[in-house]
Amino acid sequence: MFGRIGGQALRCAARRSVPRRKVCDRKFSAHTSYSATPASTPSSPLGSITVELDRIAPRFEIQASQVSILDSPANFYSTLKAKILNARRRVYLSTLYIGKTEHDLIETLSQALNNNPDLKVSVLTDALRGTRETPNPSSASLLCSLVEEYGPERVEIRMFHTPNLTGLRKKWIPRRINEGWGLQHMKLYGIDDEIILSGANLSSDYFTNRLDRYHVFSSKELTEYYARIHHAVCGLSFQVLPDPHSKSGYLLDWPTANGAPSPLDDPKDFVGYASTIMNPLIQANDNKPILPSSSSQTFVYPVAQFTPLLKPDSSTEFPAVSSILRLLSQSPAFAGARWLFTAGYFNIHPVLSSLLISSTSTSSQHPSNTQGTVLTASPWANGFYGSPGISGMLPAAYTHLSARFLDRVAAAQATNSIQLKEWRRGTVGTPGGWTYHAKGLWITLPGEENPSLTFVGSSNYTKRSYSLDIEAGALVVTSDQQLKQKLGEETKWLQEDAKAISREDLMRTERRVGWNVRLAMWIVEKVGGAL
């Protein structure tokens, strides 16, 4: 039962013969407050969206005032730290990784634990990404210091390892490249009864000069729901414990309480057990009573992509996003709508790409004057710009993908309906240079000024997101004018440093891609969309 993970000794305690836990004995309802779909009837554009989503995901009704949107990395970090320092009961953080030098964040967590003996902290990261630098300082060694100081009863550090990378593949594939076989990619930042959904990881660039999105939900029910997701994945992950005899100072243990075999020992049984735990958490309830509508409503639909953990795959994110885009493409009620799609790494799943393009097409059955905008990072705002070695090719690969998308737009005769914008604030690696990491989708209904729907979360909307990584997010649907205005303002400030790019722009000498792009394209599929 012993293995190696990221160069670190892995101690797997002998698994006792224990019965599987009873699946999801829910102590709360995701549908505490029932009402009709926002803004009236199922036949209305917004009503048809919620009817579709009600079949796919849990639904929470909240007040629009319970949603706030942060507009900068600095605001994100200061808000996160302030909430941690004021935490009364719990802090749970799901992220790809915590930067190996984030001593300020660790000190903030330590101060909160020291000030409040009742506080418990749970941190979930990815095992491959979190141990990449071992035996040098890493996420694992940094976080382990909290366990040493406050004990595993108050501080739980977990690292998820994909069941897709085992045996000889794991032994021989080099670090960082091995992350292409799947990662824990959720970004859930829960403090007491508030949850921040974001695409940002917890490292210095995400706190200073890497632009992302950050939605704060002040809802006990919603925060509790995501806590159940967080802790369920923790129960399928390795535990980080201090090890004074190791050069790195930590070990990764597979607790017997996990109830499943380690994904490195028995990936098939691991996935089978994980399916019984995760599937009931993410599915919609069968019965949704409809009561009279209020004039202004906001619904939040948590969506998740847990493909590596589910057989059969019952993930909800891809079905939810594709269903909405299909309505946009096929329903005459959405003629004249507007959409904005953004991803820092523009490698959108081909099905979603086709649906976005088709939403603007016009036919006798679907007369559309829908307008769409794709917003992505300029090569000079791409996190891989100027990187040494193979990863330095990735910005050119994303340029190639953008050009192919514009070719498809032109072939669909949608050039006048869809524009591509690139975001740039300075140049990566130079003073004042920023990177762009935001991802999301907004839909503005016909005749309206501001969006009524947005998706926010960790997903990059790529093939990889829907096959290899663990993702979590939410679809927010609202008829509240103030919240719609907030969403509209978010789309505006995200585009302040963006400019439209044509196919001709991408044919200029400095944007041309070389023979090595095919290799870079492979990396984009495997690694590039994971950060």
Protein backbone atom coordinates (compact mmCIF):
# COMPACT_ATOMS: atom_id res chain seq x y z
CA MET A 1 0.00 0.00 0.00
CA PHE A 2 2.98 2.30 -0.46
CA GLY A 3 3.57 4.58 -3.42
CA ARG A 4 5.25 7.77 -4.48
CA ILE A 5 3.53 11.05 -5.16
CA GLY A 6 5.39 14.06 -6.52
CA GLY A 7 8.64 12.56 -5.17
CA GLN A 8 7.11 12.34 -1.69
CA ALA A 9 6.69 9.12 0.27
CA LEU A 10 3.04 8.16 0.37
CA ARG A 11 1.77 6.29 3.42
CA CYS A 12 -1.48 4.44 2.81
CA ALA A 13 -2.83 3.00 6.03
CA ALA A 14 -4.20 -0.51 5.72
CA ARG A 15 -7.84 -0.14 4.90
CA ARG A 16 -10.22 -1.69 7.38
CA SER A 17 -13.28 -3.48 6.16
CA VAL A 18 -15.84 -0.78 6.75
CA PRO A 19 -19.31 -0.39 5.33
CA ARG A 20 -19.81 2.32 2.79
CA ARG A 21 -21.30 5.48 4.15
CA LYS A 22 -24.98 6.06 3.63
CA VAL A 23 -25.30 8.28 0.59
CA CYS A 24 -26.11 11.89 1.32
CA ASP A 25 -28.60 11.94 4.14
CA ARG A 26 -29.38 15.59 3.45
CA LYS A 27 -30.00 17.80 6.46
CA PHE A 28 -31.03 20.76 4.43
CA SER A 29 -32.98 21.44 1.29
CA ALA A 30 -31.54 23.21 -1.70
CA HIS A 31 -35.02 24.54 -2.33
CA THR A 32 -36.05 26.07 0.94
CA SER A 33 -37.98 28.81 -0.77
CA TYR A 34 -40.18 27.85 -3.72
CA SER A 35 -41.61 30.14 -6.31
CA ALA A 36 -42.27 30.47 -9.97
CA THR A 37 -39.51 31.20 -12.41
CA PRO A 38 -38.24 34.78 -12.38
CA ALA A 39 -40.18 37.29 -14.39
CA SER A 40 -43.27 35.20 -14.87
CA THR A 41 -44.01 32.18 -17.02
CA PRO A 42 -42.06 29.26 -18.46
CA SER A 43 -42.78 30.64 -21.93
CA SER A 44 -40.82 33.84 -21.21
CA PRO A 45 -37.10 33.81 -22.11
CA LEU A 46 -35.99 33.79 -18.47
CA GLY A 47 -38.70 31.32 -17.53
CA SER A 48 -37.64 28.88 -20.23
CA ILE A 49 -34.07 29.02 -18.91
CA THR A 50 -35.08 28.21 -15.34
CA VAL A 51 -37.42 25.42 -16.45
CA GLU A 52 -34.48 23.87 -18.29
CA LEU A 53 -32.08 24.35 -15.38
CA ASP A 54 -34.57 22.91 -12.89
CA ARG A 55 -34.14 19.58 -14.68
CA ILE A 56 -30.37 19.66 -14.31
CA ALA A 57 -29.16 21.22 -11.06
CA PRO A 58 -30.23 22.15 -7.51
CA ARG A 59 -31.89 25.54 -7.19
CA PHE A 60 -31.49 28.11 -4.42
CA GLU A 61 -33.58 31.26 -4.21
CA ILE A 62 -31.76 34.16 -2.59
CA GLN A 63 -32.15 37.92 -2.33
CA ALA A 64 -30.28 39.93 -4.94
CA SER A 65 -28.73 41.92 -2.11
CA GLN A 66 -26.97 38.72 -1.00
CA VAL A 67 -24.73 38.87 -4.09
CA SER A 68 -21.78 41.23 -4.35
CA ILE A 69 -19.15 41.38 -7.07
CA LEU A 70 -15.51 42.29 -6.44
CA ASP A 71 -13.64 44.09 -9.18
CA SER A 72 -9.91 43.57 -8.64
CA PRO A 73 -7.31 41.11 -7.34
CA ALA A 74 -6.49 43.46 -4.46
CA ASN A 75 -10.16 43.64 -3.41
CA PHE A 76 -10.40 39.87 -3.64
CA TYR A 77 -7.40 39.36 -1.37
CA SER A 78 -8.33 42.03 1.18
CA THR A 79 -11.91 40.71 1.34
CA LEU A 80 -10.75 37.12 1.73
CA LYS A 81 -8.34 38.00 4.53
CA ALA A 82 -10.86 40.18 6.35
CA LYS A 83 -13.48 37.44 6.28
CA ILE A 84 -10.96 34.82 7.48
CA LEU A 85 -9.88 37.03 10.40
CA ASN A 86 -13.53 37.51 11.43
CA ALA A 87 -14.49 33.85 10.96
CA ARG A 88 -16.40 32.37 13.91
CA ARG A 89 -16.81 28.69 13.04
CA ARG A 90 -15.25 27.57 9.81
CA VAL A 91 -13.05 28.39 6.86
CA TYR A 92 -12.95 26.06 3.88
CA LEU A 93 -10.83 26.74 0.83
CA SER A 94 -10.88 24.64 -2.35
CA THR A 95 -8.24 25.72 -4.86
CA LEU A 96 -5.82 24.30 -7.39
CA TYR A 97 -2.88 25.41 -5.28
CA ILE A 98 -1.67 27.91 -2.71
CA GLY A 99 1.52 29.68 -3.74
CA LYS A 100 4.57 28.21 -2.03
CA THR A 101 5.56 31.67 -0.70
CA GLU A 102 2.12 32.82 0.47
CA HIS A 103 3.30 33.34 4.05
CA ASP A 104 0.94 36.29 4.50
CA LEU A 105 -2.11 34.13 3.78
CA ILE A 106 -0.81 31.39 6.09
CA GLU A 107 -0.21 33.99 8.80
CA THR A 108 -3.78 35.25 8.33
CA LEU A 109 -5.16 31.74 8.81
CA SER A 110 -2.89 31.23 11.82
CA GLN A 111 -3.99 34.50 13.39
CA ALA A 112 -7.65 33.56 12.92
CA LEU A 113 -7.06 30.14 14.52
CA ASN A 114 -5.13 31.70 17.38
CA ASN A 115 -7.80 34.33 18.03
CA ASN A 116 -10.71 31.88 18.01
CA PRO A 117 -10.29 28.43 19.59
CA ASP A 118 -13.62 27.32 18.08
CA LEU A 119 -12.48 27.94 14.48
CA LYS A 120 -11.74 25.03 12.16
CA VAL A 121 -9.96 25.32 8.82
CA SER A 122 -10.12 22.92 5.87
CA VAL A 123 -8.00 23.40 2.75
CA LEU A 124 -8.29 21.29 -0.40
CA THR A 125 -5.74 21.55 -3.22
CA ASP A 126 -4.50 19.30 -6.00
CA ALA A 127 -1.87 16.70 -5.10
CA LEU A 128 0.14 16.95 -8.32
CA ARG A 129 0.19 20.75 -8.39
CA GLY A 130 0.57 21.07 -4.63
CA THR A 131 3.66 18.84 -4.46
CA ARG A 132 5.26 19.83 -7.77
CA GLU A 133 8.35 21.44 -6.16
CA THR A 134 9.00 18.72 -3.55
CA PRO A 135 11.45 18.34 -1.79
CA ASN A 136 11.79 22.12 -2.12
CA PRO A 137 9.11 24.36 -0.57
CA SER A 138 5.63 23.66 -1.99
CA SER A 139 1.95 24.14 -1.22
CA ALA A 140 2.08 20.96 0.85
CA SER A 141 5.02 21.99 3.02
CA LEU A 142 3.64 25.51 3.53
CA LEU A 143 0.19 24.31 4.56
CA CYS A 144 1.62 21.58 6.78
CA SER A 145 2.96 24.25 9.12
CA LEU A 146 -0.62 25.00 10.18
CA VAL A 147 -1.22 21.35 11.07
CA GLU A 148 1.99 21.31 13.12
CA GLU A 149 0.91 24.37 15.09
CA TYR A 150 -2.82 23.69 15.60
CA GLY A 151 -3.19 19.96 15.09
CA PRO A 152 -5.22 17.90 12.59
CA GLU A 153 -8.35 18.27 14.72
CA ARG A 154 -8.55 21.98 13.86
CA VAL A 155 -6.67 22.13 10.55
CA GLU A 156 -7.43 19.69 7.77
CA ILE A 157 -5.20 19.80 4.68
CA ARG A 158 -6.30 17.55 1.82
CA MET A 159 -4.87 16.95 -1.64
CA PHE A 160 -6.88 15.30 -4.39
CA HIS A 161 -5.12 12.93 -6.78
CA THR A 162 -6.74 12.07 -10.09
CA PRO A 163 -7.51 8.38 -10.68
CA ASN A 164 -6.39 8.89 -14.31
CA LEU A 165 -2.66 8.88 -13.47
CA THR A 166 -1.43 5.63 -11.96
CA GLY A 167 1.14 2.88 -12.47
CA LEU A 168 3.82 3.28 -15.12
CA ARG A 169 2.19 6.41 -16.51
CA LYS A 170 2.60 8.12 -13.15
CA LYS A 171 6.11 6.76 -12.71
CA TRP A 172 7.56 8.00 -15.98
CA ILE A 173 5.63 11.14 -16.96
CA PRO A 174 7.55 14.19 -15.70
CA ARG A 175 6.12 16.69 -13.25
CA ARG A 176 3.95 19.50 -14.58
CA ILE A 177 3.30 17.47 -17.73
CA ASN A 178 1.64 14.85 -15.49
CA GLU A 179 -0.87 17.51 -14.44
CA GLY A 180 -2.36 17.11 -17.92
CA TRP A 181 -4.14 13.95 -16.75
CA GLY A 182 -6.46 15.79 -14.40
CA LEU A 183 -6.52 18.22 -11.48
CA GLN A 184 -8.65 19.42 -8.58
CA HIS A 185 -9.61 22.74 -10.16
CA MET A 186 -12.47 24.04 -7.96
CA LYS A 187 -12.22 27.50 -6.41
CA LEU A 188 -14.56 27.59 -3.41
CA TYR A 189 -13.74 30.02 -0.62
CA GLY A 190 -16.20 29.55 2.24
CA ILE A 191 -16.12 31.47 5.52
CA ASP A 192 -18.95 30.84 8.02
CA ASP A 193 -22.12 31.58 6.00
CA GLU A 194 -20.52 33.27 3.00
CA ILE A 195 -18.98 31.74 -0.12
CA ILE A 196 -16.75 33.38 -2.73
CA LEU A 197 -16.97 31.71 -6.14
CA SER A 198 -14.06 32.57 -8.38
CA GLY A 199 -11.64 31.37 -11.01
CA ALA A 200 -8.67 32.68 -9.02
CA ASN A 201 -6.16 30.50 -7.23
CA LEU A 202 -4.48 31.58 -4.00
CA SER A 203 -1.09 33.00 -4.99
CA SER A 204 0.48 36.42 -5.24
CA ASP A 205 -0.28 37.10 -8.91
CA TYR A 206 -3.99 36.40 -8.30
CA PHE A 207 -3.82 38.91 -5.43
CA THR A 208 -2.04 41.65 -7.37
CA ASN A 209 -1.92 41.67 -11.19
CA ARG A 210 -3.93 38.75 -12.60
CA LEU A 211 -7.51 39.74 -13.38
CA ASP A 212 -10.29 37.28 -12.58
CA ARG A 213 -13.88 37.24 -11.32
CA TYR A 214 -15.06 37.09 -7.71
CA HIS A 215 -18.72 36.71 -6.67
CA VAL A 216 -19.55 36.79 -2.96
CA PHE A 217 -22.77 35.05 -1.87
CA SER A 218 -23.98 35.83 1.65
CA SER A 219 -26.25 32.80 2.00
CA LYS A 220 -26.11 30.18 4.73
CA GLU A 221 -27.86 27.55 2.60
CA LEU A 222 -25.65 28.11 -0.42
CA THR A 223 -22.46 28.15 1.65
CA GLU A 224 -23.51 24.95 3.37
CA TYR A 225 -24.17 23.32 0.01
CA TYR A 226 -20.70 24.09 -1.30
CA ALA A 227 -19.24 22.98 2.05
CA ARG A 228 -20.77 19.56 1.44
CA ILE A 229 -19.13 19.48 -1.99
CA HIS A 230 -15.78 20.56 -0.50
CA HIS A 231 -15.83 18.00 2.30
CA ALA A 232 -17.03 15.21 0.03
CA VAL A 233 -13.98 15.71 -2.21
CA CYS A 234 -11.79 16.00 0.90
CA GLY A 235 -13.05 12.55 1.85
CA LEU A 236 -11.71 11.30 -1.49
CA SER A 237 -8.31 12.91 -1.05
CA PHE A 238 -4.97 12.39 0.68
CA GLN A 239 -4.37 14.06 4.03
CA VAL A 240 -1.25 16.17 4.53
CA LEU A 241 0.45 15.46 7.87
CA PRO A 242 3.77 16.59 9.38
CA ASP A 243 6.71 14.20 8.97
CA PRO A 244 9.89 15.36 10.70
CA HIS A 245 11.84 12.46 9.17
CA SER A 246 11.19 13.59 5.59
CA LYS A 247 13.28 16.16 3.70
CA SER A 248 10.07 17.91 2.70
CA GLY A 249 8.64 17.83 6.23
CA TYR A 250 5.32 16.25 5.32
CA LEU A 251 3.69 13.05 4.19
CA LEU A 252 0.50 12.29 2.28
CA ASP A 253 -1.64 9.77 4.13
CA TRP A 254 -4.73 7.90 2.92
CA PRO A 255 -6.98 7.80 6.02
CA THR A 256 -9.07 4.68 6.66
CA ALA A 257 -12.01 7.03 7.29
CA ASN A 258 -12.05 7.89 3.58
CA GLY A 259 -14.03 4.72 2.99
CA ALA A 260 -12.62 4.19 -0.50
CA PRO A 261 -9.34 2.70 -1.70
CA SER A 262 -6.66 5.13 -2.78
CA PRO A 263 -6.96 6.13 -6.46
CA LEU A 264 -3.36 4.93 -6.85
CA ASP A 265 -4.16 1.47 -5.48
CA ASP A 266 -7.53 0.74 -7.07
CA PRO A 267 -8.77 3.51 -9.38
CA LYS A 268 -11.80 1.53 -10.50
CA ASP A 269 -13.15 0.95 -6.98
CA PHE A 270 -12.20 4.51 -6.08
CA VAL A 271 -14.38 5.89 -8.88
CA GLY A 272 -17.20 3.50 -8.03
CA TYR A 273 -17.24 4.70 -4.43
CA ALA A 274 -16.84 8.35 -5.42
CA SER A 275 -19.89 8.06 -7.69
CA THR A 276 -22.08 7.01 -4.77
CA ILE A 277 -20.92 10.02 -2.75
CA MET A 278 -20.85 12.79 -5.35
CA ASN A 279 -23.79 12.01 -7.62
CA PRO A 280 -26.59 12.70 -5.08
CA LEU A 281 -24.97 15.99 -4.10
CA ILE A 282 -25.10 17.56 -7.55
CA GLN A 283 -28.41 16.34 -8.96
CA ALA A 284 -31.61 18.37 -9.14
CA ASN A 285 -34.48 17.43 -6.87
CA ASP A 286 -37.32 15.66 -8.65
CA ASN A 287 -40.18 17.67 -7.16
CA LYS A 288 -40.16 21.45 -7.37
CA PRO A 289 -43.40 23.04 -6.18
CA ILE A 290 -44.33 26.25 -7.96
CA LEU A 291 -45.82 29.04 -5.86
CA PRO A 292 -46.86 32.53 -6.97
CA SER A 293 -43.99 34.60 -8.30
CA SER A 294 -42.60 37.69 -6.65
CA SER A 295 -41.82 40.66 -8.84
CA SER A 296 -38.07 40.36 -8.48
CA GLN A 297 -36.23 37.09 -7.99
CA THR A 298 -32.74 35.64 -8.02
CA PHE A 299 -31.96 31.96 -8.42
CA VAL A 300 -28.57 30.30 -8.02
CA TYR A 301 -27.99 26.91 -9.65
CA PRO A 302 -24.79 25.23 -8.44
CA VAL A 303 -23.22 23.23 -11.26
CA ALA A 304 -20.32 20.80 -11.13
CA GLN A 305 -18.15 18.82 -13.51
CA PHE A 306 -16.90 15.70 -11.74
CA THR A 307 -16.30 13.48 -14.77
CA PRO A 308 -13.19 11.72 -13.30
CA LEU A 309 -15.25 10.71 -10.25
CA LEU A 310 -18.50 9.58 -11.85
CA LYS A 311 -19.42 6.46 -13.77
CA PRO A 312 -21.75 6.98 -15.48
CA ASP A 313 -20.98 10.66 -15.77
CA SER A 314 -23.81 12.68 -14.21
CA SER A 315 -22.01 16.03 -14.14
CA THR A 316 -24.21 19.10 -14.44
CA GLU A 317 -22.06 21.95 -15.72
CA PHE A 318 -21.72 20.99 -19.38
CA PRO A 319 -25.43 20.02 -19.66
CA ALA A 320 -26.44 23.33 -18.06
CA VAL A 321 -24.25 25.57 -20.22
CA SER A 322 -25.00 23.70 -23.45
CA SER A 323 -28.75 23.70 -22.70
CA ILE A 324 -28.77 27.46 -22.22
CA LEU A 325 -26.80 28.05 -25.41
CA ARG A 326 -29.09 25.68 -27.27
CA LEU A 327 -32.10 27.75 -26.17
CA LEU A 328 -30.27 30.84 -27.33
CA SER A 329 -29.62 29.18 -30.69
CA GLN A 330 -33.05 27.64 -31.30
CA SER A 331 -35.73 29.63 -29.50
CA PRO A 332 -37.24 32.65 -31.30
CA ALA A 333 -37.85 34.17 -27.86
CA PHE A 334 -34.13 34.95 -27.66
CA ALA A 335 -33.88 36.75 -31.00
CA GLY A 336 -32.07 40.00 -30.34
CA ALA A 337 -30.33 38.78 -27.18
CA ARG A 338 -26.68 39.56 -26.46
CA TRP A 339 -24.02 37.35 -24.96
CA LEU A 340 -20.49 37.78 -23.66
CA PHE A 341 -18.20 34.80 -23.29
CA THR A 342 -14.76 35.07 -21.74
CA ALA A 343 -11.88 32.73 -20.98
CA GLY A 344 -8.28 33.61 -20.27
CA TYR A 345 -7.26 30.52 -22.21
CA PHE A 346 -9.49 30.49 -25.28
CA ASN A 347 -9.81 26.81 -26.14
CA ILE A 348 -13.59 26.47 -25.90
CA HIS A 349 -15.24 23.07 -26.24
CA PRO A 350 -16.29 22.63 -29.91
CA VAL A 351 -19.93 21.99 -29.00
CA LEU A 352 -20.15 25.25 -27.06
CA SER A 353 -18.29 27.08 -29.80
CA SER A 354 -20.78 25.83 -32.40
CA LEU A 355 -23.74 26.84 -30.24
CA LEU A 356 -22.38 30.34 -29.71
CA ILE A 357 -21.90 30.80 -33.44
CA SER A 358 -25.29 29.32 -34.33
CA SER A 359 -27.04 31.62 -31.82
CA THR A 360 -26.34 34.53 -34.17
CA SER A 361 -27.36 32.79 -37.40
CA THR A 362 -30.60 33.71 -39.13
CA SER A 363 -33.04 31.32 -40.80
CA SER A 364 -36.72 31.30 -41.63
CA GLN A 365 -37.30 29.15 -38.54
CA HIS A 366 -35.08 31.26 -36.29
CA PRO A 367 -34.83 34.91 -37.34
CA SER A 368 -31.99 36.14 -35.13
CA ASN A 369 -30.24 39.43 -34.64
CA THR A 370 -28.38 38.15 -31.60
CA GLN A 371 -24.98 39.74 -30.98
CA GLY A 372 -22.05 38.05 -29.27
CA THR A 373 -18.61 38.99 -27.95
CA VAL A 374 -15.71 36.68 -27.11
CA LEU A 375 -13.18 38.16 -24.69
CA THR A 376 -9.82 36.49 -24.17
CA ALA A 377 -6.25 37.28 -23.18
CA SER A 378 -3.86 38.90 -25.60
CA PRO A 379 -0.63 36.90 -26.02
CA TRP A 380 1.05 39.69 -24.00
CA ALA A 381 -1.46 39.10 -21.17
CA ASN A 382 -1.21 35.31 -21.25
CA GLY A 383 0.34 33.73 -18.18
CA PHE A 384 2.66 31.66 -20.38
CA TYR A 385 4.08 34.66 -22.28
CA GLY A 386 7.86 34.66 -22.13
CA SER A 387 7.99 31.30 -20.35
CA PRO A 388 11.13 29.25 -20.99
CA GLY A 389 10.93 26.04 -22.98
CA ILE A 390 7.82 24.46 -24.42
CA SER A 391 5.30 26.45 -22.39
CA GLY A 392 6.49 29.63 -24.08
CA MET A 393 4.83 28.37 -27.27
CA LEU A 394 1.37 28.42 -25.72
CA PRO A 395 0.41 32.05 -26.46
CA ALA A 396 0.97 31.34 -30.17
CA ALA A 397 -1.21 28.26 -29.87
CA TYR A 398 -4.04 30.31 -28.39
CA THR A 399 -3.64 32.81 -31.22
CA HIS A 400 -4.05 29.92 -33.65
CA LEU A 401 -7.22 28.82 -31.86
CA SER A 402 -8.61 32.38 -32.02
CA ALA A 403 -7.91 32.49 -35.77
CA ARG A 404 -9.68 29.18 -36.30
CA PHE A 405 -12.68 30.47 -34.36
CA LEU A 406 -12.87 33.59 -36.51
CA ASP A 407 -12.64 31.40 -39.61
CA ARG A 408 -15.67 29.46 -38.38
CA VAL A 409 -17.51 32.71 -37.66
CA ALA A 410 -16.80 33.86 -41.21
CA ALA A 411 -17.92 30.54 -42.67
CA ALA A 412 -21.23 30.92 -40.79
CA GLN A 413 -21.60 34.45 -42.19
CA ALA A 414 -21.66 35.78 -38.64
CA THR A 415 -18.75 38.23 -38.85
CA ASN A 416 -21.11 41.16 -38.29
CA SER A 417 -22.70 39.45 -35.29
CA ILE A 418 -19.71 38.11 -33.33
CA GLN A 419 -16.59 40.00 -32.39
CA LEU A 420 -13.42 38.77 -30.75
CA LYS A 421 -11.70 41.04 -28.22
CA GLU A 422 -8.26 40.65 -26.67
CA TRP A 423 -7.48 41.97 -23.20
CA ARG A 424 -4.12 43.59 -22.51
CA ARG A 425 -2.75 45.77 -19.73
CA GLY A 426 0.96 46.18 -20.36
CA THR A 427 3.16 43.17 -21.03
CA VAL A 428 3.66 40.15 -18.81
CA GLY A 429 6.97 40.27 -16.99
CA THR A 430 7.43 44.04 -17.29
CA PRO A 431 6.52 46.75 -14.75
CA GLY A 432 2.78 47.30 -14.79
CA GLY A 433 2.13 44.17 -16.84
CA TRP A 434 -0.97 42.14 -15.97
CA THR A 435 -2.33 38.75 -16.98
CA TYR A 436 -5.97 37.91 -17.73
CA HIS A 437 -7.62 34.85 -16.19
CA ALA A 438 -11.34 35.66 -16.09
CA LYS A 439 -13.90 33.16 -17.41
CA GLY A 440 -17.64 33.28 -17.64
CA LEU A 441 -20.79 33.71 -19.66
CA TRP A 442 -23.38 36.49 -19.52
CA ILE A 443 -26.69 36.64 -21.40
CA THR A 444 -28.70 39.82 -21.85
CA LEU A 445 -32.32 39.26 -22.88
CA PRO A 446 -33.85 40.94 -25.94
CA GLY A 447 -34.66 44.59 -25.34
CA GLU A 448 -32.76 44.76 -22.04
CA GLU A 449 -29.65 46.71 -21.15
CA ASN A 450 -28.00 44.41 -18.60
CA PRO A 451 -27.50 40.66 -18.24
CA SER A 452 -30.07 38.48 -16.49
CA LEU A 453 -27.84 35.41 -16.38
CA THR A 454 -24.22 34.67 -15.66
CA PHE A 455 -22.07 31.65 -15.07
CA VAL A 456 -19.21 32.07 -12.58
CA GLY A 457 -16.75 29.47 -11.39
CA SER A 458 -13.58 27.56 -12.07
CA SER A 459 -14.27 26.09 -15.51
CA ASN A 460 -12.32 27.09 -18.61
CA TYR A 461 -15.09 25.58 -20.83
CA THR A 462 -12.58 23.32 -22.59
CA LYS A 463 -12.58 19.64 -23.49
CA ARG A 464 -10.23 19.21 -20.58
CA SER A 465 -12.63 20.92 -18.17
CA TYR A 466 -15.35 18.48 -19.21
CA SER A 467 -13.29 15.29 -19.15
CA LEU A 468 -10.28 15.48 -16.81
CA ASP A 469 -10.59 18.17 -14.14
CA ILE A 470 -12.88 18.68 -11.15
CA GLU A 471 -14.84 21.93 -11.59
CA ALA A 472 -17.50 23.80 -9.62
CA GLY A 473 -19.45 26.97 -10.25
CA ALA A 474 -22.89 28.48 -10.37
CA LEU A 475 -25.43 29.88 -12.79
CA VAL A 476 -27.05 33.02 -11.45
CA VAL A 477 -30.44 33.89 -12.97
CA THR A 478 -32.11 37.13 -11.89
CA SER A 479 -34.91 39.53 -12.72
CA ASP A 480 -33.67 42.03 -10.12
CA GLN A 481 -32.72 45.32 -11.75
CA GLN A 482 -29.99 46.21 -9.28
CA LEU A 483 -28.23 42.86 -9.61
CA LYS A 484 -28.54 43.02 -13.38
CA GLN A 485 -26.89 46.42 -13.24
CA LYS A 486 -24.02 44.93 -11.19
CA LEU A 487 -23.58 42.22 -13.82
CA GLY A 488 -23.61 44.84 -16.55
CA GLU A 489 -20.95 46.84 -14.75
CA GLU A 490 -18.85 43.68 -14.42
CA THR A 491 -18.93 43.09 -18.17
CA LYS A 492 -17.90 46.70 -18.76
CA TRP A 493 -14.87 46.80 -16.49
CA LEU A 494 -13.68 43.44 -17.79
CA GLN A 495 -13.61 44.98 -21.27
CA GLU A 496 -12.00 48.29 -20.36
CA ASP A 497 -8.55 47.09 -21.46
CA ALA A 498 -9.79 45.06 -24.44
CA LYS A 499 -9.93 45.84 -28.14
CA ALA A 500 -11.56 44.10 -31.06
CA ILE A 501 -9.32 41.81 -33.15
CA SER A 502 -10.00 40.79 -36.75
CA ARG A 503 -8.76 37.83 -38.76
CA GLU A 504 -6.48 40.23 -40.61
CA ASP A 505 -4.92 41.33 -37.33
CA LEU A 506 -3.99 37.73 -36.56
CA MET A 507 -2.29 37.39 -39.96
CA ARG A 508 0.28 40.07 -39.18
CA THR A 509 3.90 38.97 -38.96
CA GLU A 510 4.15 39.27 -35.19
CA ARG A 511 1.04 37.08 -34.76
CA ARG A 512 1.92 34.30 -37.16
CA VAL A 513 2.43 30.86 -35.70
CA GLY A 514 5.25 28.49 -36.58
CA TRP A 515 5.73 24.78 -37.11
CA ASN A 516 5.98 24.20 -33.37
CA VAL A 517 2.34 25.22 -32.84
CA ARG A 518 1.14 21.63 -33.18
CA LEU A 519 3.21 20.71 -30.16
CA ALA A 520 1.93 23.75 -28.31
CA MET A 521 -1.62 22.81 -29.26
CA TRP A 522 -1.18 19.43 -27.59
CA ILE A 523 0.05 21.18 -24.46
CA VAL A 524 -2.96 23.51 -24.55
CA GLU A 525 -5.23 20.47 -24.48
CA LYS A 526 -3.29 18.75 -21.71
CA VAL A 527 -1.89 21.49 -19.50
CA GLY A 528 -2.61 25.00 -20.76
CA GLY A 529 -6.23 25.28 -19.67
CA ALA A 530 -5.57 24.08 -16.15
CA LEU A 531 -4.20 27.16 -14.41
